[in-house]
Amino acid sequence: MNSKGKKEMETKLRPNQKGYFGSFGGAFVPEMMQANVVELKENYEAILNSVSFKAEYEKLLSDYVGRPSPLYLATRLSEKYGAQIYLKREDLNHTGSHKINNALGQIILAKQLGKKKIIAETGAGQHGVATATACALMGLECVVFMGEVDVVRQAPNVGRMKMLGAKVVPVSSGSKTLKDATNEAMRYWISNPYDTHYIIGSVVGPHPYPDMVARFQSIISEEIKNQLLEKTGSALPNRVVACVGGGSNASGAFFHFIEEENVELVAAEAAGKGLDSGFTAAATFKGKSGILHGSKTLFMQTDDGQVVEPHSISAGLDYPGIGPALAHWFESGRVKYLAVTDDAAMAAGKELCLLEGIIPAVESAHALAALDQLEMLPNEIIVVNLSGRGDKDLETYLQNI
């Protein structure tokens, strides 16, 4: 590969010094937030690369989270599609999703920066639970912002957060979902800059968050490679499939395959009630470039730049945009994006229950539903990232199937 090609590949995986993945990224924040962001930018790489951080983080991933998470050959699902379909079982992590990987990493970082209080935003509640868990473990105060709509539809996770000692703040502005919870968390951080760290749960926000969160989640694809090599003799699948809201689980599942151009990467976005229904969250299909939550990315917006309210049956995918790295991977053609409706996700989730005895999160069900849109060769190897478990979504399933 020539030097120009090598530079392009590196840009796809990691941002440049200004925090850009291609034409997306950067840090667009109010002056009162600059100090917080600059502190992170100047310190995060040195901390993440330090011996003490790596030792503490890796020990917690192993002994507390239970990593590596299994890579399970779903035999009956595979029989249906005529392919070898493996499920990366992030649902079996402590707290029930991939979110704990990032929460633990950031809370160790926050302690090394001398922070005493942690704030977070959450939609489906899995990031909130993971953050509350990490705070309880480390003895730090925790405040979680959550849209009022999500407080109702994700009641089990609200209860878990409270049991873990977190203060859950319902947000009543806007659509009362994830976007609005993120807005409120950022406002709080501006007012409490010195003792507080904001654990953003996805690969969104100002640099360095998209890079930092992706690196914490990259353990997913690192393990997939090692596990596939052991199970099949090859570290490379034909395809990796993941759902995308902001994009943290997809970034983690894709990270170590971005430069493996023979591996097709498939992202399942929430089409809601349909792409042309006016009730959707499919940012690559309905969005355009602009500034959202501190970075330049793709999101759904009006002609004058106002955010269009998203809709998804999944609280974790109910977000109007995607992270800047995922926007770049879309623009460059590296990742294939598919739109999955609420109904298709419900059907796929129910099917996994009946075929494999696994209740997936509604978010993960979108990735499973995307399989119906793929043309598969016999016995090709497909890995689906099962990002979370469906305990929190039982009421949603029972009302919609």
Protein backbone atom coordinates (compact mmCIF):
# COMPACT_ATOMS: atom_id res chain seq x y z
CA MET A 1 0.00 0.00 0.00
CA ASN A 2 1.38 3.43 -0.92
CA SER A 3 1.76 6.17 1.69
CA LYS A 4 -1.40 7.97 0.56
CA GLY A 5 -3.45 4.78 0.87
CA LYS A 6 -1.94 4.02 4.27
CA LYS A 7 -2.82 7.50 5.52
CA GLU A 8 -6.43 7.06 4.35
CA MET A 9 -6.73 3.74 6.14
CA GLU A 10 -5.38 5.21 9.37
CA THR A 11 -7.86 8.06 9.15
CA LYS A 12 -10.70 5.57 8.89
CA LEU A 13 -9.69 3.95 12.17
CA ARG A 14 -8.37 6.81 14.29
CA PRO A 15 -8.93 10.57 14.09
CA ASN A 16 -6.26 13.08 13.13
CA GLN A 17 -4.80 15.49 15.67
CA LYS A 18 -7.83 17.77 15.43
CA GLY A 19 -10.18 14.88 16.09
CA TYR A 20 -11.45 14.38 12.53
CA PHE A 21 -12.32 11.12 10.82
CA GLY A 22 -12.17 12.32 7.23
CA SER A 23 -14.50 15.33 7.13
CA PHE A 24 -16.34 14.42 10.36
CA GLY A 25 -15.44 15.01 13.99
CA GLY A 26 -13.75 17.88 15.77
CA ALA A 27 -14.74 19.62 19.00
CA PHE A 28 -17.46 22.27 18.73
CA VAL A 29 -18.23 23.25 22.31
CA PRO A 30 -19.18 26.41 24.22
CA GLU A 31 -16.33 28.38 25.75
CA MET A 32 -17.39 27.30 29.24
CA MET A 33 -16.89 23.65 28.25
CA GLN A 34 -13.49 24.15 26.62
CA ALA A 35 -11.51 23.50 29.80
CA ASN A 36 -13.19 20.13 30.35
CA VAL A 37 -12.61 18.96 26.79
CA VAL A 38 -9.03 20.25 26.62
CA GLU A 39 -8.17 18.49 29.90
CA LEU A 40 -9.38 15.20 28.44
CA LYS A 41 -7.67 15.75 25.09
CA GLU A 42 -4.32 16.51 26.71
CA ASN A 43 -4.36 13.57 29.11
CA TYR A 44 -6.43 10.66 27.81
CA GLU A 45 -3.86 8.96 25.57
CA ALA A 46 -1.08 9.10 28.16
CA ILE A 47 -3.40 7.65 30.81
CA LEU A 48 -4.77 4.92 28.54
CA ASN A 49 -1.24 3.89 27.55
CA SER A 50 0.11 3.85 31.11
CA VAL A 51 1.05 0.57 32.77
CA SER A 52 -1.09 1.29 35.84
CA PHE A 53 -4.24 2.01 33.79
CA LYS A 54 -3.84 -1.08 31.61
CA ALA A 55 -3.29 -3.34 34.61
CA GLU A 56 -6.37 -2.07 36.49
CA TYR A 57 -8.60 -2.01 33.42
CA GLU A 58 -7.65 -5.45 32.15
CA LYS A 59 -8.08 -7.00 35.59
CA LEU A 60 -11.59 -5.53 35.91
CA LEU A 61 -12.56 -6.70 32.42
CA SER A 62 -11.51 -10.21 33.32
CA ASP A 63 -12.51 -10.59 36.96
CA TYR A 64 -15.46 -8.18 37.22
CA VAL A 65 -17.04 -7.99 33.76
CA GLY A 66 -16.34 -11.62 32.88
CA ARG A 67 -14.45 -11.12 29.61
CA PRO A 68 -13.88 -12.55 27.14
CA SER A 69 -17.58 -12.73 26.31
CA PRO A 70 -18.46 -15.95 24.45
CA LEU A 71 -18.63 -16.24 20.67
CA TYR A 72 -21.54 -18.62 20.17
CA LEU A 73 -22.35 -20.52 16.98
CA ALA A 74 -26.13 -20.16 16.73
CA THR A 75 -26.85 -23.52 15.11
CA ARG A 76 -30.59 -23.20 14.50
CA LEU A 77 -30.29 -19.61 13.28
CA SER A 78 -27.43 -20.74 11.03
CA GLU A 79 -29.57 -23.54 9.63
CA LYS A 80 -32.28 -21.05 8.69
CA TYR A 81 -29.91 -18.83 6.70
CA GLY A 82 -27.54 -21.50 5.37
CA ALA A 83 -24.55 -19.69 6.85
CA GLN A 84 -22.41 -19.97 9.97
CA ILE A 85 -23.83 -17.27 12.21
CA TYR A 86 -21.91 -16.50 15.39
CA LEU A 87 -23.28 -14.28 18.14
CA LYS A 88 -20.82 -12.18 20.11
CA ARG A 89 -22.45 -12.43 23.53
CA GLU A 90 -21.99 -8.94 24.99
CA ASP A 91 -25.33 -9.56 26.69
CA LEU A 92 -23.50 -11.89 29.08
CA ASN A 93 -21.25 -9.14 30.43
CA HIS A 94 -21.85 -7.92 33.98
CA THR A 95 -24.74 -5.38 33.75
CA GLY A 96 -26.01 -7.03 30.55
CA SER A 97 -24.41 -5.15 27.66
CA HIS A 98 -21.24 -3.81 26.06
CA LYS A 99 -21.64 -0.50 27.92
CA ILE A 100 -19.64 -1.68 30.94
CA ASN A 101 -16.43 -1.80 28.83
CA ASN A 102 -16.52 1.97 28.37
CA ALA A 103 -17.91 2.88 31.79
CA LEU A 104 -15.08 1.15 33.64
CA GLY A 105 -12.43 2.59 31.35
CA GLN A 106 -13.68 6.14 31.73
CA ILE A 107 -14.14 5.91 35.48
CA ILE A 108 -10.53 4.80 35.98
CA LEU A 109 -9.53 7.73 33.76
CA ALA A 110 -11.71 10.10 35.81
CA LYS A 111 -10.14 8.99 39.08
CA GLN A 112 -6.66 9.56 37.68
CA LEU A 113 -7.81 13.09 36.72
CA GLY A 114 -8.94 13.64 40.32
CA LYS A 115 -12.69 13.81 39.64
CA LYS A 116 -15.15 13.15 42.49
CA LYS A 117 -18.50 13.09 40.65
CA ILE A 118 -19.66 11.26 37.54
CA ILE A 119 -22.52 12.21 35.23
CA ALA A 120 -23.93 10.27 32.29
CA GLU A 121 -26.78 10.25 29.79
CA THR A 122 -28.76 7.15 28.92
CA GLY A 123 -31.56 6.05 26.62
CA ALA A 124 -32.09 2.31 26.96
CA GLY A 125 -30.63 2.54 30.45
CA GLN A 126 -27.76 0.12 29.83
CA HIS A 127 -25.14 2.87 29.86
CA GLY A 128 -26.75 4.37 32.94
CA VAL A 129 -26.66 1.02 34.72
CA ALA A 130 -23.04 0.44 33.68
CA THR A 131 -22.04 3.90 34.90
CA ALA A 132 -23.92 3.50 38.18
CA THR A 133 -22.24 0.12 38.63
CA ALA A 134 -18.77 1.54 38.03
CA CYS A 135 -19.45 4.43 40.41
CA ALA A 136 -20.62 2.07 43.15
CA LEU A 137 -17.49 -0.01 42.62
CA MET A 138 -15.22 3.04 42.84
CA GLY A 139 -17.14 4.96 45.52
CA LEU A 140 -17.99 7.98 43.37
CA GLU A 141 -21.18 10.05 43.25
CA CYS A 142 -23.29 9.33 40.16
CA VAL A 143 -25.97 11.39 38.39
CA VAL A 144 -27.72 9.96 35.31
CA PHE A 145 -29.86 12.04 32.93
CA MET A 146 -32.66 10.17 31.18
CA GLY A 147 -35.58 11.35 29.06
CA GLU A 148 -38.98 11.01 30.70
CA VAL A 149 -40.21 8.75 27.89
CA ASP A 150 -37.28 6.40 28.44
CA VAL A 151 -37.74 6.45 32.22
CA VAL A 152 -41.15 4.86 31.62
CA ARG A 153 -40.24 2.38 28.88
CA GLN A 154 -37.00 1.31 30.57
CA ALA A 155 -38.33 1.15 34.14
CA PRO A 156 -36.33 -1.99 35.13
CA ASN A 157 -33.05 -0.21 34.40
CA VAL A 158 -34.18 2.91 36.28
CA GLY A 159 -34.72 0.68 39.30
CA ARG A 160 -31.29 -0.88 38.91
CA MET A 161 -29.61 2.52 38.74
CA LYS A 162 -31.35 3.64 41.91
CA MET A 163 -30.42 0.39 43.68
CA LEU A 164 -26.80 1.10 42.76
CA GLY A 165 -26.95 4.52 44.40
CA ALA A 166 -27.29 6.74 41.33
CA LYS A 167 -29.52 9.80 41.16
CA VAL A 168 -31.72 9.52 38.05
CA VAL A 169 -32.78 12.91 36.66
CA PRO A 170 -35.81 12.73 34.30
CA VAL A 171 -35.56 15.15 31.36
CA SER A 172 -38.81 16.74 30.18
CA SER A 173 -37.55 18.87 27.27
CA GLY A 174 -37.85 18.07 23.56
CA SER A 175 -38.86 14.51 22.73
CA LYS A 176 -37.89 13.45 26.27
CA THR A 177 -35.50 10.79 24.95
CA LEU A 178 -31.75 10.23 24.48
CA LYS A 179 -30.99 13.43 22.55
CA ASP A 180 -32.52 15.52 25.30
CA ALA A 181 -30.78 13.58 28.07
CA THR A 182 -27.48 14.32 26.31
CA ASN A 183 -28.31 18.02 26.12
CA GLU A 184 -29.04 18.18 29.85
CA ALA A 185 -25.88 16.26 30.79
CA MET A 186 -23.79 18.70 28.78
CA ARG A 187 -25.47 21.68 30.47
CA TYR A 188 -24.75 20.21 33.88
CA TRP A 189 -21.10 19.62 32.97
CA ILE A 190 -20.71 23.26 31.93
CA SER A 191 -21.91 24.32 35.37
CA ASN A 192 -19.75 21.81 37.26
CA PRO A 193 -16.45 21.69 35.37
CA TYR A 194 -13.87 21.09 38.08
CA ASP A 195 -14.92 18.06 40.11
CA THR A 196 -17.12 16.28 37.52
CA HIS A 197 -16.40 13.90 34.65
CA TYR A 198 -19.01 13.25 31.97
CA ILE A 199 -19.00 9.60 30.85
CA ILE A 200 -20.49 9.80 27.36
CA GLY A 201 -21.86 6.38 26.50
CA SER A 202 -21.41 6.33 22.75
CA VAL A 203 -18.92 7.36 20.06
CA VAL A 204 -20.47 10.82 19.85
CA GLY A 205 -19.62 14.23 21.25
CA PRO A 206 -16.53 16.40 20.95
CA HIS A 207 -13.05 14.97 20.44
CA PRO A 208 -11.64 12.96 22.20
CA TYR A 209 -14.85 11.10 23.14
CA PRO A 210 -15.48 9.31 19.81
CA ASP A 211 -11.93 7.96 19.77
CA MET A 212 -11.77 7.19 23.48
CA VAL A 213 -15.08 5.28 23.60
CA ALA A 214 -14.22 3.33 20.45
CA ARG A 215 -10.91 2.25 21.97
CA PHE A 216 -12.62 0.98 25.11
CA GLN A 217 -15.12 -0.94 22.99
CA SER A 218 -12.48 -2.29 20.58
CA ILE A 219 -12.03 -5.25 22.95
CA ILE A 220 -15.11 -6.71 21.22
CA SER A 221 -13.51 -7.09 17.79
CA GLU A 222 -10.16 -8.04 19.31
CA GLU A 223 -11.84 -10.98 21.01
CA ILE A 224 -13.85 -11.89 17.90
CA LYS A 225 -10.63 -12.29 15.92
CA ASN A 226 -9.00 -14.49 18.56
CA GLN A 227 -12.13 -16.59 19.07
CA LEU A 228 -12.79 -17.10 15.37
CA LEU A 229 -9.21 -18.19 14.82
CA GLU A 230 -9.62 -20.81 17.52
CA LYS A 231 -13.02 -22.00 16.27
CA THR A 232 -12.59 -21.84 12.49
CA GLY A 233 -8.87 -21.54 11.78
CA SER A 234 -9.33 -18.01 10.41
CA ALA A 235 -9.49 -14.74 12.34
CA LEU A 236 -11.56 -13.08 9.63
CA PRO A 237 -15.31 -13.57 9.09
CA ASN A 238 -17.05 -12.73 5.84
CA ARG A 239 -19.28 -10.19 7.58
CA VAL A 240 -19.73 -8.44 10.92
CA VAL A 241 -23.19 -7.05 11.69
CA ALA A 242 -24.09 -4.59 14.47
CA CYS A 243 -26.91 -2.18 15.27
CA VAL A 244 -26.19 1.56 15.20
CA GLY A 245 -27.64 4.41 17.19
CA GLY A 246 -24.77 6.63 18.26
CA GLY A 247 -22.57 3.67 17.38
CA SER A 248 -20.55 2.41 20.36
CA ASN A 249 -21.20 -1.32 19.94
CA ALA A 250 -20.75 -1.08 16.17
CA SER A 251 -17.45 0.78 16.57
CA GLY A 252 -16.27 -1.91 18.96
CA ALA A 253 -17.35 -4.76 16.70
CA PHE A 254 -15.85 -3.13 13.57
CA PHE A 255 -12.65 -1.63 15.05
CA HIS A 256 -10.14 -4.41 14.32
CA PHE A 257 -11.74 -5.19 10.96
CA ILE A 258 -11.74 -1.68 9.47
CA GLU A 259 -8.45 -2.29 7.70
CA GLU A 260 -9.45 -5.83 6.66
CA GLU A 261 -11.14 -4.85 3.41
CA ASN A 262 -12.28 -8.41 2.64
CA VAL A 263 -14.55 -8.30 5.71
CA GLU A 264 -17.90 -6.65 4.98
CA LEU A 265 -19.12 -4.47 7.84
CA VAL A 266 -22.89 -4.04 8.12
CA ALA A 267 -24.62 -1.45 10.31
CA ALA A 268 -28.33 -1.77 11.07
CA GLU A 269 -30.03 1.57 11.66
CA ALA A 270 -33.46 2.07 13.18
CA ALA A 271 -35.96 2.83 10.40
CA GLY A 272 -38.72 3.15 13.00
CA LYS A 273 -42.12 3.05 11.32
CA GLY A 274 -40.50 3.37 7.88
CA LEU A 275 -38.01 5.63 6.14
CA ASP A 276 -40.73 7.83 4.66
CA SER A 277 -43.10 7.71 7.62
CA GLY A 278 -41.73 10.73 9.46
CA PHE A 279 -41.03 8.42 12.40
CA THR A 280 -37.50 7.13 11.92
CA ALA A 281 -33.97 7.33 13.33
CA ALA A 282 -32.02 6.30 10.21
CA ALA A 283 -29.39 9.03 10.08
CA THR A 284 -27.49 7.87 6.99
CA PHE A 285 -30.72 7.61 4.99
CA LYS A 286 -32.40 10.79 6.23
CA GLY A 287 -29.58 12.90 7.64
CA LYS A 288 -27.04 15.39 6.41
CA SER A 289 -23.83 16.91 7.72
CA GLY A 290 -23.95 19.36 10.62
CA ILE A 291 -22.93 19.98 14.22
CA LEU A 292 -24.58 17.80 16.86
CA HIS A 293 -23.53 17.45 20.50
CA GLY A 294 -20.08 18.87 19.93
CA SER A 295 -18.93 17.25 16.68
CA LYS A 296 -19.53 17.44 12.95
CA THR A 297 -21.45 14.37 11.88
CA LEU A 298 -24.55 13.10 10.07
CA PHE A 299 -27.91 13.69 11.70
CA MET A 300 -31.54 14.28 10.79
CA GLN A 301 -32.26 18.00 10.54
CA THR A 302 -34.51 20.58 8.95
CA ASP A 303 -33.34 22.85 6.15
CA ASP A 304 -32.35 25.47 8.73
CA GLY A 305 -30.34 23.00 10.81
CA GLN A 306 -32.79 22.16 13.58
CA VAL A 307 -32.74 18.59 14.84
CA VAL A 308 -35.58 16.40 13.58
CA GLU A 309 -36.98 14.31 16.42
CA PRO A 310 -36.08 10.64 15.89
CA HIS A 311 -38.30 7.65 16.47
CA SER A 312 -37.40 4.06 17.26
CA ILE A 313 -39.08 1.37 19.29
CA SER A 314 -35.60 0.93 20.75
CA ALA A 315 -34.65 3.53 23.36
CA GLY A 316 -30.96 2.96 22.65
CA LEU A 317 -31.34 3.69 18.92
CA ASP A 318 -33.72 6.63 19.37
CA TYR A 319 -31.05 9.20 18.45
CA PRO A 320 -31.04 11.57 15.45
CA GLY A 321 -27.44 11.00 14.36
CA ILE A 322 -24.41 8.73 14.36
CA GLY A 323 -20.87 9.20 15.63
CA PRO A 324 -18.34 10.96 13.36
CA ALA A 325 -16.27 7.83 12.69
CA LEU A 326 -19.39 5.99 11.56
CA ALA A 327 -20.35 8.96 9.41
CA HIS A 328 -16.94 8.79 7.76
CA TRP A 329 -17.21 5.04 7.24
CA PHE A 330 -20.57 5.67 5.56
CA GLU A 331 -19.22 8.46 3.35
CA SER A 332 -16.18 6.39 2.36
CA GLY A 333 -18.26 3.29 1.68
CA ARG A 334 -16.36 1.16 4.20
CA VAL A 335 -19.52 0.23 6.13
CA LYS A 336 -22.78 -0.88 4.55
CA TYR A 337 -25.86 0.67 6.20
CA LEU A 338 -29.26 -1.02 6.25
CA ALA A 339 -32.55 0.34 7.59
CA VAL A 340 -34.57 -1.94 9.89
CA THR A 341 -38.15 -1.14 10.93
CA ASP A 342 -39.64 -1.54 14.39
CA ASP A 343 -41.76 -4.45 13.18
CA ALA A 344 -38.80 -6.28 11.63
CA ALA A 345 -36.78 -5.88 14.84
CA MET A 346 -39.65 -7.22 16.94
CA ALA A 347 -39.96 -10.27 14.70
CA ALA A 348 -36.20 -10.94 14.76
CA GLY A 349 -36.05 -10.64 18.52
CA LYS A 350 -38.91 -13.10 18.96
CA GLU A 351 -37.28 -15.47 16.48
CA LEU A 352 -34.01 -15.58 18.42
CA CYS A 353 -35.97 -16.41 21.56
CA LEU A 354 -37.61 -19.39 19.88
CA LEU A 355 -34.60 -20.65 17.90
CA GLU A 356 -31.78 -20.13 20.39
CA GLY A 357 -33.35 -19.50 23.79
CA ILE A 358 -31.82 -16.00 23.94
CA ILE A 359 -33.85 -12.84 24.56
CA PRO A 360 -31.93 -10.01 22.85
CA ALA A 361 -32.16 -6.32 23.60
CA VAL A 362 -34.41 -4.55 21.11
CA GLU A 363 -31.28 -2.72 19.92
CA SER A 364 -29.57 -6.03 19.11
CA ALA A 365 -32.74 -7.31 17.44
CA HIS A 366 -32.20 -4.69 14.74
CA ALA A 367 -28.87 -6.31 13.86
CA LEU A 368 -30.52 -9.73 13.75
CA ALA A 369 -33.26 -8.39 11.46
CA ALA A 370 -30.63 -7.06 9.04
CA LEU A 371 -29.74 -10.67 8.18
CA ASP A 372 -32.90 -10.85 6.07
CA GLN A 373 -31.49 -8.13 3.81
CA LEU A 374 -28.19 -9.90 3.09
CA GLU A 375 -27.49 -12.26 0.22
CA MET A 376 -25.43 -15.01 1.81
CA LEU A 377 -23.18 -17.61 0.28
CA PRO A 378 -23.46 -21.15 1.66
CA ASN A 379 -21.52 -21.56 4.92
CA GLU A 380 -20.09 -18.06 4.92
CA ILE A 381 -19.12 -16.84 8.40
CA ILE A 382 -21.16 -13.98 9.85
CA VAL A 383 -20.69 -12.46 13.30
CA VAL A 384 -23.61 -10.56 14.82
CA ASN A 385 -22.78 -8.42 17.82
CA LEU A 386 -25.44 -9.19 20.41
CA SER A 387 -24.89 -5.92 22.23
CA GLY A 388 -27.30 -6.40 25.13
CA ARG A 389 -29.84 -8.64 26.82
CA GLY A 390 -33.56 -8.15 26.56
CA ASP A 391 -34.68 -8.23 30.19
CA LYS A 392 -35.21 -4.47 30.09
CA ASP A 393 -37.38 -4.79 26.96
CA LEU A 394 -39.83 -7.51 27.97
CA GLU A 395 -42.75 -5.10 28.19
CA THR A 396 -41.95 -3.72 24.72
CA TYR A 397 -41.80 -7.23 23.25
CA LEU A 398 -45.03 -8.35 24.92
CA GLN A 399 -46.90 -5.28 23.64
CA ASN A 400 -45.64 -5.60 20.04
CA ILE A 401 -45.45 -9.28 19.10
